[in-house]
Amino acid sequence: MKPLGSLRLGVNIDHVATVRNARGGDTPDPLRAARIAQEAGCDGITAHLREDRRHISDADIEGLMEVLTVPLNFEMAATEEMQQIALRHRPHAVCIVPEKREERTTEGGLEVAREENKLAHFIAPLREAGCRVSIFIGADQRQIEAAHRIGAQVIELHSGAYCDAHHEGRFDDRDRELEALREMSAFAHGLGLEVHVGHGLTYDTVQPVAAFPEVMELNIGHFLIGEAIFRGLQPAIAEMRRLMDEARG
């Protein structure tokens, strides 16, 4: 079992690139956002290079590897193309996520249990290259056990259902989803996995999750980039950090 530690904040900069790509050109620059996030005290930067390159580009990943002084968490689908890109750059961490062209954002966790053999072979070269391998999954014991068996070092639990239920006013559903996240965080930690949580977290939903002692990292992007329009990126991140620390303390 891994020892418990402080709670880290990873900032996902994908949607800075979404705004840039909506018009074309070079602005706003995701690398500038990453530098500001570092100055604001984040512990890592997350970027998802999608197969269709709808936001983050190959050049963005190249640039991030050059300028970051905090770890890069490289989100990617389990494809040969993405594996080769990860092996070329060797980021600190890779997070394997499900990906469908028609989805607006990642809709759920990866199906690990049905693809156990394939995923075990897929992540082995990444681990050998020195990347910390994370699997993005739902709060489901079967999937957590499968992630553990294939050799993942980290799981990231999908918090979207919890956040959606809260913002839609379905509070009984919200509480059930939160309890599932709590139970599965403890279960995964008991297996020796490092536990992260991400997707949909806001100022209103972050504290109950941040309070789970087994959770070591929260990855938050879309909300922070949206909030930055109103208060600036550095203050938006600083407020999220404050809420996380308050919940953990």
C-alpha atoms as a PDB file:
ATOM      1  CA  MET A   1       0.000   0.000   0.000  1.00  0.00           C
ATOM      2  CA  LYS A   2       1.363   3.413  -0.955  1.00  0.00           C
ATOM      3  CA  PRO A   3       1.718   6.008   1.853  1.00  0.00           C
ATOM      4  CA  LEU A   4      -0.750   8.876   1.868  1.00  0.00           C
ATOM      5  CA  GLY A   5       0.522  12.328   0.970  1.00  0.00           C
ATOM      6  CA  SER A   6      -0.491  15.850   0.032  1.00  0.00           C
ATOM      7  CA  LEU A   7      -3.017  16.590  -2.706  1.00  0.00           C
ATOM      8  CA  ARG A   8      -1.675  17.732  -6.074  1.00  0.00           C
ATOM      9  CA  LEU A   9      -3.439  19.841  -8.710  1.00  0.00           C
ATOM     10  CA  GLY A  10      -2.973  19.071 -12.391  1.00  0.00           C
ATOM     11  CA  VAL A  11      -4.257  21.749 -14.779  1.00  0.00           C
ATOM     12  CA  ASN A  12      -5.567  20.592 -18.150  1.00  0.00           C
ATOM     13  CA  ILE A  13      -4.865  23.161 -20.879  1.00  0.00           C
ATOM     14  CA  ASP A  14      -6.748  21.443 -23.726  1.00  0.00           C
ATOM     15  CA  HIS A  15      -9.418  24.089 -24.052  1.00  0.00           C
ATOM     16  CA  VAL A  16      -6.996  26.960 -24.443  1.00  0.00           C
ATOM     17  CA  ALA A  17      -6.146  25.136 -27.662  1.00  0.00           C
ATOM     18  CA  THR A  18      -9.870  24.704 -28.413  1.00  0.00           C
ATOM     19  CA  VAL A  19     -10.300  28.495 -28.423  1.00  0.00           C
ATOM     20  CA  ARG A  20      -7.175  28.957 -30.545  1.00  0.00           C
ATOM     21  CA  ASN A  21      -8.290  26.390 -33.099  1.00  0.00           C
ATOM     22  CA  ALA A  22     -11.787  27.874 -33.379  1.00  0.00           C
ATOM     23  CA  ARG A  23     -10.319  30.795 -35.285  1.00  0.00           C
ATOM     24  CA  GLY A  24      -6.909  29.510 -36.336  1.00  0.00           C
ATOM     25  CA  GLY A  25      -3.618  31.222 -35.757  1.00  0.00           C
ATOM     26  CA  ASP A  26      -1.434  31.178 -32.678  1.00  0.00           C
ATOM     27  CA  THR A  27      -3.557  32.720 -29.928  1.00  0.00           C
ATOM     28  CA  PRO A  28      -4.417  31.975 -27.210  1.00  0.00           C
ATOM     29  CA  ASP A  29      -1.224  29.997 -26.705  1.00  0.00           C
ATOM     30  CA  PRO A  30      -1.530  26.783 -24.614  1.00  0.00           C
ATOM     31  CA  LEU A  31       2.163  27.025 -23.690  1.00  0.00           C
ATOM     32  CA  ARG A  32       1.593  30.462 -22.187  1.00  0.00           C
ATOM     33  CA  ALA A  33      -1.320  29.005 -20.218  1.00  0.00           C
ATOM     34  CA  ALA A  34       0.961  26.228 -18.967  1.00  0.00           C
ATOM     35  CA  ARG A  35       3.557  28.740 -17.798  1.00  0.00           C
ATOM     36  CA  ILE A  36       0.899  30.782 -15.971  1.00  0.00           C
ATOM     37  CA  ALA A  37      -0.460  27.611 -14.353  1.00  0.00           C
ATOM     38  CA  GLN A  38       3.033  26.768 -13.129  1.00  0.00           C
ATOM     39  CA  GLU A  39       3.396  30.267 -11.648  1.00  0.00           C
ATOM     40  CA  ALA A  40      -0.010  29.854  -9.969  1.00  0.00           C
ATOM     41  CA  GLY A  41       1.260  26.807  -8.124  1.00  0.00           C
ATOM     42  CA  CYS A  42      -0.107  23.838 -10.044  1.00  0.00           C
ATOM     43  CA  ASP A  43       1.750  20.563  -9.626  1.00  0.00           C
ATOM     44  CA  GLY A  44       1.463  19.353 -13.207  1.00  0.00           C
ATOM     45  CA  ILE A  45       0.062  20.056 -16.658  1.00  0.00           C
ATOM     46  CA  THR A  46      -2.328  17.724 -18.461  1.00  0.00           C
ATOM     47  CA  ALA A  47      -2.769  17.728 -22.245  1.00  0.00           C
ATOM     48  CA  HIS A  48      -4.806  15.289 -24.355  1.00  0.00           C
ATOM     49  CA  LEU A  49      -3.535  14.757 -27.884  1.00  0.00           C
ATOM     50  CA  ARG A  50      -6.633  13.411 -29.590  1.00  0.00           C
ATOM     51  CA  GLU A  51      -6.571  11.343 -32.743  1.00  0.00           C
ATOM     52  CA  ASP A  52      -8.479  14.098 -34.606  1.00  0.00           C
ATOM     53  CA  ARG A  53      -6.256  16.884 -33.133  1.00  0.00           C
ATOM     54  CA  ARG A  54      -9.331  18.944 -32.274  1.00  0.00           C
ATOM     55  CA  HIS A  55      -7.465  20.946 -29.638  1.00  0.00           C
ATOM     56  CA  ILE A  56      -3.929  20.057 -28.556  1.00  0.00           C
ATOM     57  CA  SER A  57      -1.528  19.615 -31.486  1.00  0.00           C
ATOM     58  CA  ASP A  58       1.691  17.661 -31.912  1.00  0.00           C
ATOM     59  CA  ALA A  59       3.575  20.972 -31.829  1.00  0.00           C
ATOM     60  CA  ASP A  60       1.943  21.797 -28.478  1.00  0.00           C
ATOM     61  CA  ILE A  61       3.266  18.555 -26.989  1.00  0.00           C
ATOM     62  CA  GLU A  62       6.739  19.278 -28.377  1.00  0.00           C
ATOM     63  CA  GLY A  63       6.621  22.752 -26.846  1.00  0.00           C
ATOM     64  CA  LEU A  64       5.356  21.555 -23.486  1.00  0.00           C
ATOM     65  CA  MET A  65       8.162  19.018 -23.223  1.00  0.00           C
ATOM     66  CA  GLU A  66      10.644  21.842 -23.804  1.00  0.00           C
ATOM     67  CA  VAL A  67       9.262  24.512 -21.448  1.00  0.00           C
ATOM     68  CA  LEU A  68       7.607  22.748 -18.510  1.00  0.00           C
ATOM     69  CA  THR A  69       9.272  22.657 -15.125  1.00  0.00           C
ATOM     70  CA  VAL A  70       6.411  20.575 -13.659  1.00  0.00           C
ATOM     71  CA  PRO A  71       5.464  17.087 -14.891  1.00  0.00           C
ATOM     72  CA  LEU A  72       3.454  16.600 -18.083  1.00  0.00           C
ATOM     73  CA  ASN A  73       0.535  14.191 -17.903  1.00  0.00           C
ATOM     74  CA  PHE A  74       0.019  13.124 -21.525  1.00  0.00           C
ATOM     75  CA  GLU A  75      -3.545  11.889 -22.077  1.00  0.00           C
ATOM     76  CA  MET A  76      -3.878   9.537 -25.028  1.00  0.00           C
ATOM     77  CA  ALA A  77      -5.967   6.808 -26.574  1.00  0.00           C
ATOM     78  CA  ALA A  78      -4.603   3.267 -26.702  1.00  0.00           C
ATOM     79  CA  THR A  79      -3.504   3.474 -30.346  1.00  0.00           C
ATOM     80  CA  GLU A  80      -0.183   2.616 -31.965  1.00  0.00           C
ATOM     81  CA  GLU A  81       0.214   6.216 -33.196  1.00  0.00           C
ATOM     82  CA  MET A  82      -0.173   7.650 -29.692  1.00  0.00           C
ATOM     83  CA  GLN A  83       2.085   5.009 -28.195  1.00  0.00           C
ATOM     84  CA  GLN A  84       4.857   5.977 -30.614  1.00  0.00           C
ATOM     85  CA  ILE A  85       4.422   9.683 -29.832  1.00  0.00           C
ATOM     86  CA  ALA A  86       4.599   8.964 -26.095  1.00  0.00           C
ATOM     87  CA  LEU A  87       7.685   6.798 -26.531  1.00  0.00           C
ATOM     88  CA  ARG A  88       9.383   9.553 -28.534  1.00  0.00           C
ATOM     89  CA  HIS A  89       8.716  12.255 -25.910  1.00  0.00           C
ATOM     90  CA  ARG A  90       8.763  10.119 -22.751  1.00  0.00           C
ATOM     91  CA  PRO A  91       6.582  12.422 -20.627  1.00  0.00           C
ATOM     92  CA  HIS A  92       6.494  11.990 -16.871  1.00  0.00           C
ATOM     93  CA  ALA A  93       3.065  10.332 -17.076  1.00  0.00           C
ATOM     94  CA  VAL A  94       0.698   8.937 -19.663  1.00  0.00           C
ATOM     95  CA  CYS A  95      -3.002   8.553 -18.944  1.00  0.00           C
ATOM     96  CA  ILE A  96      -4.840   6.089 -21.179  1.00  0.00           C
ATOM     97  CA  VAL A  97      -8.344   7.353 -21.918  1.00  0.00           C
ATOM     98  CA  PRO A  98     -11.256   6.197 -24.088  1.00  0.00           C
ATOM     99  CA  GLU A  99     -11.784   8.257 -27.198  1.00  0.00           C
ATOM    100  CA  LYS A 100     -14.589   8.550 -29.754  1.00  0.00           C
ATOM    101  CA  ARG A 101     -14.567  11.026 -32.632  1.00  0.00           C
ATOM    102  CA  GLU A 102     -18.220  12.003 -32.137  1.00  0.00           C
ATOM    103  CA  GLU A 103     -17.977  12.847 -28.425  1.00  0.00           C
ATOM    104  CA  ARG A 104     -17.565  16.423 -27.220  1.00  0.00           C
ATOM    105  CA  THR A 105     -15.455  15.358 -24.287  1.00  0.00           C
ATOM    106  CA  THR A 106     -14.465  12.079 -22.642  1.00  0.00           C
ATOM    107  CA  GLU A 107     -17.793  10.508 -21.748  1.00  0.00           C
ATOM    108  CA  GLY A 108     -16.752   7.765 -19.370  1.00  0.00           C
ATOM    109  CA  GLY A 109     -14.006   5.498 -18.157  1.00  0.00           C
ATOM    110  CA  LEU A 110     -11.949   3.054 -20.165  1.00  0.00           C
ATOM    111  CA  GLU A 111     -13.195  -0.532 -20.469  1.00  0.00           C
ATOM    112  CA  VAL A 112     -10.190  -2.341 -19.027  1.00  0.00           C
ATOM    113  CA  ALA A 113     -11.636  -5.694 -17.950  1.00  0.00           C
ATOM    114  CA  ARG A 114     -12.693  -6.706 -21.482  1.00  0.00           C
ATOM    115  CA  GLU A 115      -9.413  -5.518 -23.030  1.00  0.00           C
ATOM    116  CA  GLU A 116      -7.044  -6.692 -20.323  1.00  0.00           C
ATOM    117  CA  ASN A 117      -4.551  -8.596 -22.456  1.00  0.00           C
ATOM    118  CA  LYS A 118      -4.407  -5.931 -25.166  1.00  0.00           C
ATOM    119  CA  LEU A 119      -3.922  -3.091 -22.671  1.00  0.00           C
ATOM    120  CA  ALA A 120      -1.289  -5.000 -20.699  1.00  0.00           C
ATOM    121  CA  HIS A 121       0.811  -5.336 -23.854  1.00  0.00           C
ATOM    122  CA  PHE A 122       0.110  -1.722 -24.819  1.00  0.00           C
ATOM    123  CA  ILE A 123       1.323  -0.154 -21.573  1.00  0.00           C
ATOM    124  CA  ALA A 124       4.379  -2.390 -21.073  1.00  0.00           C
ATOM    125  CA  PRO A 125       6.678  -0.382 -23.430  1.00  0.00           C
ATOM    126  CA  LEU A 126       5.501   2.867 -21.837  1.00  0.00           C
ATOM    127  CA  ARG A 127       6.445   1.650 -18.392  1.00  0.00           C
ATOM    128  CA  GLU A 128       9.786   0.381 -19.707  1.00  0.00           C
ATOM    129  CA  ALA A 129      10.435   3.865 -21.138  1.00  0.00           C
ATOM    130  CA  GLY A 130      10.015   5.361 -17.671  1.00  0.00           C
ATOM    131  CA  CYS A 131       6.512   6.810 -18.040  1.00  0.00           C
ATOM    132  CA  ARG A 132       4.136   6.502 -15.115  1.00  0.00           C
ATOM    133  CA  VAL A 133       1.032   4.819 -16.539  1.00  0.00           C
ATOM    134  CA  SER A 134      -2.431   5.913 -15.452  1.00  0.00           C
ATOM    135  CA  ILE A 135      -5.760   4.433 -16.548  1.00  0.00           C
ATOM    136  CA  PHE A 136      -8.874   6.653 -16.678  1.00  0.00           C
ATOM    137  CA  ILE A 137     -11.794   4.563 -15.391  1.00  0.00           C
ATOM    138  CA  GLY A 138     -15.149   4.737 -13.680  1.00  0.00           C
ATOM    139  CA  ALA A 139     -15.585   4.089  -9.966  1.00  0.00           C
ATOM    140  CA  ASP A 140     -16.029   0.362 -10.618  1.00  0.00           C
ATOM    141  CA  GLN A 141     -14.249  -2.337  -8.607  1.00  0.00           C
ATOM    142  CA  ARG A 142     -14.017  -4.674 -11.613  1.00  0.00           C
ATOM    143  CA  GLN A 143     -12.222  -2.061 -13.716  1.00  0.00           C
ATOM    144  CA  ILE A 144      -9.901  -1.093 -10.852  1.00  0.00           C
ATOM    145  CA  GLU A 145      -8.895  -4.710 -10.321  1.00  0.00           C
ATOM    146  CA  ALA A 146      -8.210  -5.094 -14.048  1.00  0.00           C
ATOM    147  CA  ALA A 147      -6.114  -1.904 -14.108  1.00  0.00           C
ATOM    148  CA  HIS A 148      -4.091  -3.285 -11.223  1.00  0.00           C
ATOM    149  CA  ARG A 149      -3.567  -6.638 -12.947  1.00  0.00           C
ATOM    150  CA  ILE A 150      -2.274  -5.102 -16.183  1.00  0.00           C
ATOM    151  CA  GLY A 151       0.419  -3.153 -14.350  1.00  0.00           C
ATOM    152  CA  ALA A 152      -0.941   0.397 -14.195  1.00  0.00           C
ATOM    153  CA  GLN A 153       0.660   2.427 -11.434  1.00  0.00           C
ATOM    154  CA  VAL A 154      -2.158   4.972 -11.210  1.00  0.00           C
ATOM    155  CA  ILE A 155      -5.896   5.127 -11.785  1.00  0.00           C
ATOM    156  CA  GLU A 156      -7.833   8.314 -12.444  1.00  0.00           C
ATOM    157  CA  LEU A 157     -11.475   8.007 -11.427  1.00  0.00           C
ATOM    158  CA  HIS A 158     -14.016   9.720 -13.687  1.00  0.00           C
ATOM    159  CA  SER A 159     -15.945  12.254 -11.584  1.00  0.00           C
ATOM    160  CA  GLY A 160     -18.278  13.415 -14.355  1.00  0.00           C
ATOM    161  CA  ALA A 161     -21.404  11.605 -13.138  1.00  0.00           C
ATOM    162  CA  TYR A 162     -20.993  13.074  -9.654  1.00  0.00           C
ATOM    163  CA  CYS A 163     -20.483  16.608 -10.994  1.00  0.00           C
ATOM    164  CA  ASP A 164     -23.346  16.367 -13.493  1.00  0.00           C
ATOM    165  CA  ALA A 165     -25.764  15.177 -10.814  1.00  0.00           C
ATOM    166  CA  HIS A 166     -24.779  18.059  -8.539  1.00  0.00           C
ATOM    167  CA  HIS A 167     -25.198  20.753 -11.176  1.00  0.00           C
ATOM    168  CA  GLU A 168     -28.518  19.281 -12.345  1.00  0.00           C
ATOM    169  CA  GLY A 169     -29.898  19.261  -8.806  1.00  0.00           C
ATOM    170  CA  ARG A 170     -30.134  15.448  -8.580  1.00  0.00           C
ATOM    171  CA  PHE A 171     -28.721  15.370  -5.092  1.00  0.00           C
ATOM    172  CA  ASP A 172     -29.548  11.749  -4.216  1.00  0.00           C
ATOM    173  CA  ASP A 173     -27.720  10.647  -7.376  1.00  0.00           C
ATOM    174  CA  ARG A 174     -24.885  13.028  -6.531  1.00  0.00           C
ATOM    175  CA  ASP A 175     -24.478  11.519  -3.080  1.00  0.00           C
ATOM    176  CA  ARG A 176     -24.482   7.970  -4.484  1.00  0.00           C
ATOM    177  CA  GLU A 177     -21.833   8.887  -7.038  1.00  0.00           C
ATOM    178  CA  LEU A 178     -19.725  10.593  -4.380  1.00  0.00           C
ATOM    179  CA  GLU A 179     -19.945   7.543  -2.135  1.00  0.00           C
ATOM    180  CA  ALA A 180     -18.838   5.326  -5.030  1.00  0.00           C
ATOM    181  CA  LEU A 181     -15.841   7.589  -5.615  1.00  0.00           C
ATOM    182  CA  ARG A 182     -15.011   7.454  -1.914  1.00  0.00           C
ATOM    183  CA  GLU A 183     -15.287   3.671  -1.665  1.00  0.00           C
ATOM    184  CA  MET A 184     -13.341   3.003  -4.848  1.00  0.00           C
ATOM    185  CA  SER A 185     -10.600   5.472  -3.920  1.00  0.00           C
ATOM    186  CA  ALA A 186     -10.053   3.520  -0.708  1.00  0.00           C
ATOM    187  CA  PHE A 187     -10.267   0.179  -2.534  1.00  0.00           C
ATOM    188  CA  ALA A 188      -7.713   1.188  -5.174  1.00  0.00           C
ATOM    189  CA  HIS A 189      -5.350   2.603  -2.577  1.00  0.00           C
ATOM    190  CA  GLY A 190      -5.589  -0.710  -0.721  1.00  0.00           C
ATOM    191  CA  LEU A 191      -4.322  -2.456  -3.871  1.00  0.00           C
ATOM    192  CA  GLY A 192      -1.301  -0.172  -3.946  1.00  0.00           C
ATOM    193  CA  LEU A 193      -2.525   2.046  -6.780  1.00  0.00           C
ATOM    194  CA  GLU A 194      -2.094   5.809  -6.693  1.00  0.00           C
ATOM    195  CA  VAL A 195      -5.511   7.436  -6.990  1.00  0.00           C
ATOM    196  CA  HIS A 196      -6.346  10.525  -9.053  1.00  0.00           C
ATOM    197  CA  VAL A 197      -9.766  12.014  -9.822  1.00  0.00           C
ATOM    198  CA  GLY A 198     -10.852  14.222 -12.691  1.00  0.00           C
ATOM    199  CA  HIS A 199     -13.578  15.421 -15.075  1.00  0.00           C
ATOM    200  CA  GLY A 200     -16.143  18.133 -14.479  1.00  0.00           C
ATOM    201  CA  LEU A 201     -14.850  19.366 -11.114  1.00  0.00           C
ATOM    202  CA  THR A 202     -15.732  22.951 -10.192  1.00  0.00           C
ATOM    203  CA  TYR A 203     -15.486  25.189  -7.136  1.00  0.00           C
ATOM    204  CA  ASP A 204     -18.845  23.769  -6.041  1.00  0.00           C
ATOM    205  CA  THR A 205     -17.900  20.099  -6.342  1.00  0.00           C
ATOM    206  CA  VAL A 206     -14.178  19.878  -5.626  1.00  0.00           C
ATOM    207  CA  GLN A 207     -14.085  19.884  -1.835  1.00  0.00           C
ATOM    208  CA  PRO A 208     -15.896  16.603  -1.068  1.00  0.00           C
ATOM    209  CA  VAL A 209     -13.519  14.782  -3.426  1.00  0.00           C
ATOM    210  CA  ALA A 210     -10.443  16.662  -2.237  1.00  0.00           C
ATOM    211  CA  ALA A 211     -11.251  15.506   1.292  1.00  0.00           C
ATOM    212  CA  PHE A 212     -10.711  11.823   0.426  1.00  0.00           C
ATOM    213  CA  PRO A 213      -7.328  11.026   1.993  1.00  0.00           C
ATOM    214  CA  GLU A 214      -6.505   8.370  -0.613  1.00  0.00           C
ATOM    215  CA  VAL A 215      -6.759  10.811  -3.544  1.00  0.00           C
ATOM    216  CA  MET A 216      -3.338  12.152  -4.463  1.00  0.00           C
ATOM    217  CA  GLU A 217      -4.162  14.320  -7.484  1.00  0.00           C
ATOM    218  CA  LEU A 218      -7.060  16.171  -9.075  1.00  0.00           C
ATOM    219  CA  ASN A 219      -6.944  16.995 -12.789  1.00  0.00           C
ATOM    220  CA  ILE A 220      -9.092  20.000 -13.670  1.00  0.00           C
ATOM    221  CA  GLY A 221      -9.271  21.856 -16.958  1.00  0.00           C
ATOM    222  CA  HIS A 222     -12.461  22.989 -18.646  1.00  0.00           C
ATOM    223  CA  PHE A 223     -13.869  24.792 -15.608  1.00  0.00           C
ATOM    224  CA  LEU A 224     -10.604  26.612 -14.886  1.00  0.00           C
ATOM    225  CA  ILE A 225     -10.195  27.771 -18.483  1.00  0.00           C
ATOM    226  CA  GLY A 226     -13.792  29.033 -18.470  1.00  0.00           C
ATOM    227  CA  GLU A 227     -13.392  30.745 -15.119  1.00  0.00           C
ATOM    228  CA  ALA A 228     -10.214  32.419 -16.388  1.00  0.00           C
ATOM    229  CA  ILE A 229     -12.365  34.499 -18.768  1.00  0.00           C
ATOM    230  CA  PHE A 230     -13.883  36.232 -15.752  1.00  0.00           C
ATOM    231  CA  ARG A 231     -11.104  36.356 -13.174  1.00  0.00           C
ATOM    232  CA  GLY A 232      -7.878  35.475 -15.026  1.00  0.00           C
ATOM    233  CA  LEU A 233      -6.141  32.109 -15.142  1.00  0.00           C
ATOM    234  CA  GLN A 234      -3.780  32.608 -12.234  1.00  0.00           C
ATOM    235  CA  PRO A 235      -6.521  33.748  -9.789  1.00  0.00           C
ATOM    236  CA  ALA A 236      -8.827  30.955 -11.027  1.00  0.00           C
ATOM    237  CA  ILE A 237      -6.172  28.332 -10.279  1.00  0.00           C
ATOM    238  CA  ALA A 238      -5.272  29.947  -6.965  1.00  0.00           C
ATOM    239  CA  GLU A 239      -8.895  29.744  -5.807  1.00  0.00           C
ATOM    240  CA  MET A 240      -9.107  26.062  -6.781  1.00  0.00           C
ATOM    241  CA  ARG A 241      -5.874  25.402  -4.911  1.00  0.00           C
ATOM    242  CA  ARG A 242      -7.264  27.212  -1.858  1.00  0.00           C
ATOM    243  CA  LEU A 243     -10.451  25.145  -1.852  1.00  0.00           C
ATOM    244  CA  MET A 244      -8.503  21.896  -2.244  1.00  0.00           C
ATOM    245  CA  ASP A 245      -6.142  22.772   0.600  1.00  0.00           C
ATOM    246  CA  GLU A 246      -9.046  23.840   2.829  1.00  0.00           C
ATOM    247  CA  ALA A 247     -10.842  20.530   2.230  1.00  0.00           C
ATOM    248  CA  ARG A 248      -7.683  18.510   2.827  1.00  0.00           C
ATOM    249  CA  GLY A 249      -6.656  20.464   5.906  1.00  0.00           C
END
